[in-house]
C-alpha atoms as a PDB file:
ATOM      1  CA  MET A   1     121.443  -6.305 -42.457  1.00  0.00           C
ATOM      2  CA  ASN A   2     120.192  -2.724 -42.633  1.00  0.00           C
ATOM      3  CA  LEU A   3     117.014  -1.815 -40.789  1.00  0.00           C
ATOM      4  CA  VAL A   4     114.787   1.245 -40.818  1.00  0.00           C
ATOM      5  CA  ALA A   5     111.737   1.566 -38.589  1.00  0.00           C
ATOM      6  CA  LEU A   6     108.623   3.189 -40.041  1.00  0.00           C
ATOM      7  CA  THR A   7     106.402   4.351 -37.191  1.00  0.00           C
ATOM      8  CA  GLY A   8     103.067   6.043 -36.748  1.00  0.00           C
ATOM      9  CA  ALA A   9     100.508   6.757 -34.065  1.00  0.00           C
ATOM     10  CA  GLY A  10     100.353   3.168 -32.818  1.00  0.00           C
ATOM     11  CA  ILE A  11     103.833   3.269 -31.310  1.00  0.00           C
ATOM     12  CA  SER A  12     102.997   6.232 -29.064  1.00  0.00           C
ATOM     13  CA  LYS A  13      99.605   4.941 -27.964  1.00  0.00           C
ATOM     14  CA  ALA A  14     101.322   2.867 -25.253  1.00  0.00           C
ATOM     15  CA  SER A  15     102.772   6.147 -23.939  1.00  0.00           C
ATOM     16  CA  GLY A  16      99.264   7.500 -23.416  1.00  0.00           C
ATOM     17  CA  ILE A  17      99.073   9.612 -26.556  1.00  0.00           C
ATOM     18  CA  PRO A  18      95.776   8.982 -28.332  1.00  0.00           C
ATOM     19  CA  THR A  19      95.710   8.682 -32.099  1.00  0.00           C
ATOM     20  CA  PHE A  20      94.148  11.552 -34.051  1.00  0.00           C
ATOM     21  CA  ASN A  21      91.188   9.296 -34.870  1.00  0.00           C
ATOM     22  CA  GLU A  22      90.574   8.815 -31.146  1.00  0.00           C
ATOM     23  CA  MET A  23      90.645  12.556 -30.490  1.00  0.00           C
ATOM     24  CA  GLY A  24      87.402  13.438 -32.244  1.00  0.00           C
ATOM     25  CA  ASN A  25      87.327  15.947 -35.066  1.00  0.00           C
ATOM     26  CA  LEU A  26      91.034  16.804 -35.119  1.00  0.00           C
ATOM     27  CA  ARG A  27      91.254  16.114 -38.836  1.00  0.00           C
ATOM     28  CA  GLU A  28      89.145  19.229 -39.419  1.00  0.00           C
ATOM     29  CA  LYS A  29      90.831  21.320 -36.731  1.00  0.00           C
ATOM     30  CA  LEU A  30      94.359  20.429 -37.835  1.00  0.00           C
ATOM     31  CA  SER A  31      93.677  21.462 -41.421  1.00  0.00           C
ATOM     32  CA  ARG A  32      95.234  24.367 -43.293  1.00  0.00           C
ATOM     33  CA  SER A  33      91.815  26.001 -43.767  1.00  0.00           C
ATOM     34  CA  PHE A  34      90.995  25.840 -40.039  1.00  0.00           C
ATOM     35  CA  PHE A  35      94.413  27.262 -39.143  1.00  0.00           C
ATOM     36  CA  GLU A  36      93.956  30.174 -41.539  1.00  0.00           C
ATOM     37  CA  THR A  37      90.431  31.027 -40.349  1.00  0.00           C
ATOM     38  CA  ASN A  38      90.763  30.214 -36.613  1.00  0.00           C
ATOM     39  CA  PRO A  39      94.428  30.656 -35.637  1.00  0.00           C
ATOM     40  CA  GLU A  40      93.714  31.329 -31.944  1.00  0.00           C
ATOM     41  CA  GLU A  41      91.630  28.169 -31.533  1.00  0.00           C
ATOM     42  CA  PHE A  42      94.122  26.202 -33.639  1.00  0.00           C
ATOM     43  CA  TYR A  43      97.007  27.133 -31.348  1.00  0.00           C
ATOM     44  CA  LYS A  44      94.942  26.373 -28.222  1.00  0.00           C
ATOM     45  CA  ILE A  45      94.522  22.842 -29.580  1.00  0.00           C
ATOM     46  CA  LEU A  46      98.254  22.535 -30.312  1.00  0.00           C
ATOM     47  CA  ILE A  47      99.151  23.843 -26.841  1.00  0.00           C
ATOM     48  CA  GLU A  48      96.915  21.158 -25.279  1.00  0.00           C
ATOM     49  CA  MET A  49      98.523  18.514 -27.494  1.00  0.00           C
ATOM     50  CA  LYS A  50     102.018  19.732 -26.576  1.00  0.00           C
ATOM     51  CA  GLU A  51     101.196  19.599 -22.853  1.00  0.00           C
ATOM     52  CA  LYS A  52      99.879  16.038 -23.202  1.00  0.00           C
ATOM     53  CA  ILE A  53     103.000  15.042 -25.133  1.00  0.00           C
ATOM     54  CA  GLU A  54     105.278  16.601 -22.503  1.00  0.00           C
ATOM     55  CA  ARG A  55     103.622  14.457 -19.802  1.00  0.00           C
ATOM     56  CA  ALA A  56     104.127  11.282 -21.857  1.00  0.00           C
ATOM     57  CA  GLU A  57     107.221   9.119 -21.543  1.00  0.00           C
ATOM     58  CA  PRO A  58     108.873   7.009 -24.240  1.00  0.00           C
ATOM     59  CA  ASN A  59     107.636   3.429 -23.986  1.00  0.00           C
ATOM     60  CA  PRO A  60     109.602   0.168 -24.411  1.00  0.00           C
ATOM     61  CA  ALA A  61     109.232   0.297 -28.212  1.00  0.00           C
ATOM     62  CA  HIS A  62     110.783   3.776 -28.410  1.00  0.00           C
ATOM     63  CA  ILE A  63     113.540   2.726 -26.011  1.00  0.00           C
ATOM     64  CA  ALA A  64     114.348  -0.494 -27.906  1.00  0.00           C
ATOM     65  CA  LEU A  65     114.682   1.354 -31.213  1.00  0.00           C
ATOM     66  CA  ALA A  66     117.019   3.853 -29.548  1.00  0.00           C
ATOM     67  CA  LYS A  67     119.051   1.128 -27.825  1.00  0.00           C
ATOM     68  CA  TYR A  68     119.783  -0.600 -31.129  1.00  0.00           C
ATOM     69  CA  ASN A  69     120.364   2.671 -33.029  1.00  0.00           C
ATOM     70  CA  VAL A  70     117.683   1.846 -35.593  1.00  0.00           C
ATOM     71  CA  PRO A  71     117.094   4.743 -38.017  1.00  0.00           C
ATOM     72  CA  ILE A  72     113.484   5.897 -37.844  1.00  0.00           C
ATOM     73  CA  ILE A  73     111.041   7.494 -40.239  1.00  0.00           C
ATOM     74  CA  THR A  74     107.964   8.544 -38.296  1.00  0.00           C
ATOM     75  CA  MET A  75     104.670  10.246 -38.991  1.00  0.00           C
ATOM     76  CA  ASN A  76     104.432  11.204 -35.308  1.00  0.00           C
ATOM     77  CA  ILE A  77     104.851  14.783 -34.128  1.00  0.00           C
ATOM     78  CA  ASP A  78     105.404  13.856 -30.472  1.00  0.00           C
ATOM     79  CA  GLY A  79     109.210  13.706 -30.391  1.00  0.00           C
ATOM     80  CA  LEU A  80     109.207  10.547 -28.247  1.00  0.00           C
ATOM     81  CA  HIS A  81     111.775   8.801 -30.442  1.00  0.00           C
ATOM     82  CA  LYS A  82     114.266  11.604 -29.802  1.00  0.00           C
ATOM     83  CA  ARG A  83     113.427  11.696 -26.095  1.00  0.00           C
ATOM     84  CA  ALA A  84     114.138   7.951 -25.973  1.00  0.00           C
ATOM     85  CA  GLY A  85     117.614   8.668 -27.332  1.00  0.00           C
ATOM     86  CA  SER A  86     117.232   7.888 -31.035  1.00  0.00           C
ATOM     87  CA  LYS A  87     119.637   9.988 -33.083  1.00  0.00           C
ATOM     88  CA  ASP A  88     118.624   9.237 -36.673  1.00  0.00           C
ATOM     89  CA  VAL A  89     114.956  10.288 -36.786  1.00  0.00           C
ATOM     90  CA  ILE A  90     113.080  11.770 -39.729  1.00  0.00           C
ATOM     91  CA  GLU A  91     109.781  13.316 -38.600  1.00  0.00           C
ATOM     92  CA  ILE A  92     107.974  13.572 -41.931  1.00  0.00           C
ATOM     93  CA  HIS A  93     105.012  15.403 -40.395  1.00  0.00           C
ATOM     94  CA  GLY A  94     107.226  17.746 -38.367  1.00  0.00           C
ATOM     95  CA  ASN A  95     107.138  18.283 -34.620  1.00  0.00           C
ATOM     96  CA  LEU A  96     105.933  20.623 -31.912  1.00  0.00           C
ATOM     97  CA  GLU A  97     109.377  21.963 -31.035  1.00  0.00           C
ATOM     98  CA  TYR A  98     109.212  25.141 -33.107  1.00  0.00           C
ATOM     99  CA  VAL A  99     107.031  27.613 -34.951  1.00  0.00           C
ATOM    100  CA  GLU A 100     108.286  29.740 -37.817  1.00  0.00           C
ATOM    101  CA  CYS A 101     107.728  33.313 -38.869  1.00  0.00           C
ATOM    102  CA  PRO A 102     107.001  33.093 -42.611  1.00  0.00           C
ATOM    103  CA  ASN A 103     108.191  36.653 -43.180  1.00  0.00           C
ATOM    104  CA  CYS A 104     111.407  36.725 -41.103  1.00  0.00           C
ATOM    105  CA  ASN A 105     112.137  32.993 -41.658  1.00  0.00           C
ATOM    106  CA  GLU A 106     113.078  32.741 -37.974  1.00  0.00           C
ATOM    107  CA  LEU A 107     112.359  29.688 -35.858  1.00  0.00           C
ATOM    108  CA  TYR A 108     111.000  30.174 -32.347  1.00  0.00           C
ATOM    109  CA  ASP A 109     110.504  27.721 -29.529  1.00  0.00           C
ATOM    110  CA  PHE A 110     106.942  26.418 -29.728  1.00  0.00           C
ATOM    111  CA  ASN A 111     106.115  27.756 -26.260  1.00  0.00           C
ATOM    112  CA  ILE A 112     106.129  31.330 -27.590  1.00  0.00           C
ATOM    113  CA  VAL A 113     102.570  30.701 -28.828  1.00  0.00           C
ATOM    114  CA  LYS A 114     101.439  30.609 -25.198  1.00  0.00           C
ATOM    115  CA  GLU A 115     102.218  34.349 -25.167  1.00  0.00           C
ATOM    116  CA  THR A 116     101.514  35.379 -28.758  1.00  0.00           C
ATOM    117  CA  ILE A 117     100.804  33.703 -32.085  1.00  0.00           C
ATOM    118  CA  TYR A 118     102.267  36.634 -33.987  1.00  0.00           C
ATOM    119  CA  CYS A 119     105.895  37.527 -34.637  1.00  0.00           C
ATOM    120  CA  LYS A 120     106.982  40.395 -32.393  1.00  0.00           C
ATOM    121  CA  ASP A 121     109.180  41.790 -35.179  1.00  0.00           C
ATOM    122  CA  CYS A 122     106.801  41.818 -38.161  1.00  0.00           C
ATOM    123  CA  ASN A 123     103.390  40.763 -36.761  1.00  0.00           C
ATOM    124  CA  SER A 124     103.104  37.767 -39.130  1.00  0.00           C
ATOM    125  CA  LEU A 125     101.149  34.764 -37.908  1.00  0.00           C
ATOM    126  CA  PHE A 126     103.512  32.015 -36.765  1.00  0.00           C
ATOM    127  CA  GLN A 127     103.384  28.889 -38.922  1.00  0.00           C
ATOM    128  CA  PRO A 128     103.325  25.529 -37.132  1.00  0.00           C
ATOM    129  CA  ASN A 129     106.211  23.130 -37.741  1.00  0.00           C
ATOM    130  CA  ILE A 130     103.825  20.303 -38.632  1.00  0.00           C
ATOM    131  CA  VAL A 131     102.179  19.115 -41.822  1.00  0.00           C
ATOM    132  CA  LEU A 132      98.488  19.977 -41.642  1.00  0.00           C
ATOM    133  CA  TYR A 133      95.670  18.030 -43.248  1.00  0.00           C
ATOM    134  CA  GLY A 134      95.501  19.241 -46.818  1.00  0.00           C
ATOM    135  CA  ASP A 135      99.203  20.167 -46.917  1.00  0.00           C
ATOM    136  CA  ILE A 136     101.774  18.457 -49.083  1.00  0.00           C
ATOM    137  CA  ILE A 137     104.751  16.884 -47.326  1.00  0.00           C
ATOM    138  CA  PRO A 138     107.755  19.174 -47.953  1.00  0.00           C
ATOM    139  CA  LEU A 139     110.031  18.111 -50.793  1.00  0.00           C
ATOM    140  CA  PHE A 140     113.094  17.746 -48.583  1.00  0.00           C
ATOM    141  CA  PHE A 141     111.431  14.655 -47.091  1.00  0.00           C
ATOM    142  CA  CYS A 142     110.919  13.139 -50.539  1.00  0.00           C
ATOM    143  CA  HIS A 143     114.498  12.716 -51.777  1.00  0.00           C
END
């Protein structure tokens, strides 16, 4: 028998990570239009989310999926499946591990946005490594 786990916000709720619906108006603030018009505020929100995620621990559901080596497709951006030890994880909405310079095509550790939200080489605004509301899921997830 072949299994694949499809997970979303509910699996991480037991780890203390609220769902986007529980976090107020995040749908608006995690949109492409908000990012483009308010990048400083956008990254402040992501930094707070990242700090909350870093304090969270994988819960028994994450650990069980890792223990049995179940491949996972998740909508979560929290990385808890990987922290639990799962190896075969597709994060269709991305994660908060990196940001990317759209001009240099370089990936940087997410924590760089605590210092600057602009590339030090070309001054382009870093792009988040998550799918924003209003974005289309990248094609490489759709094969």
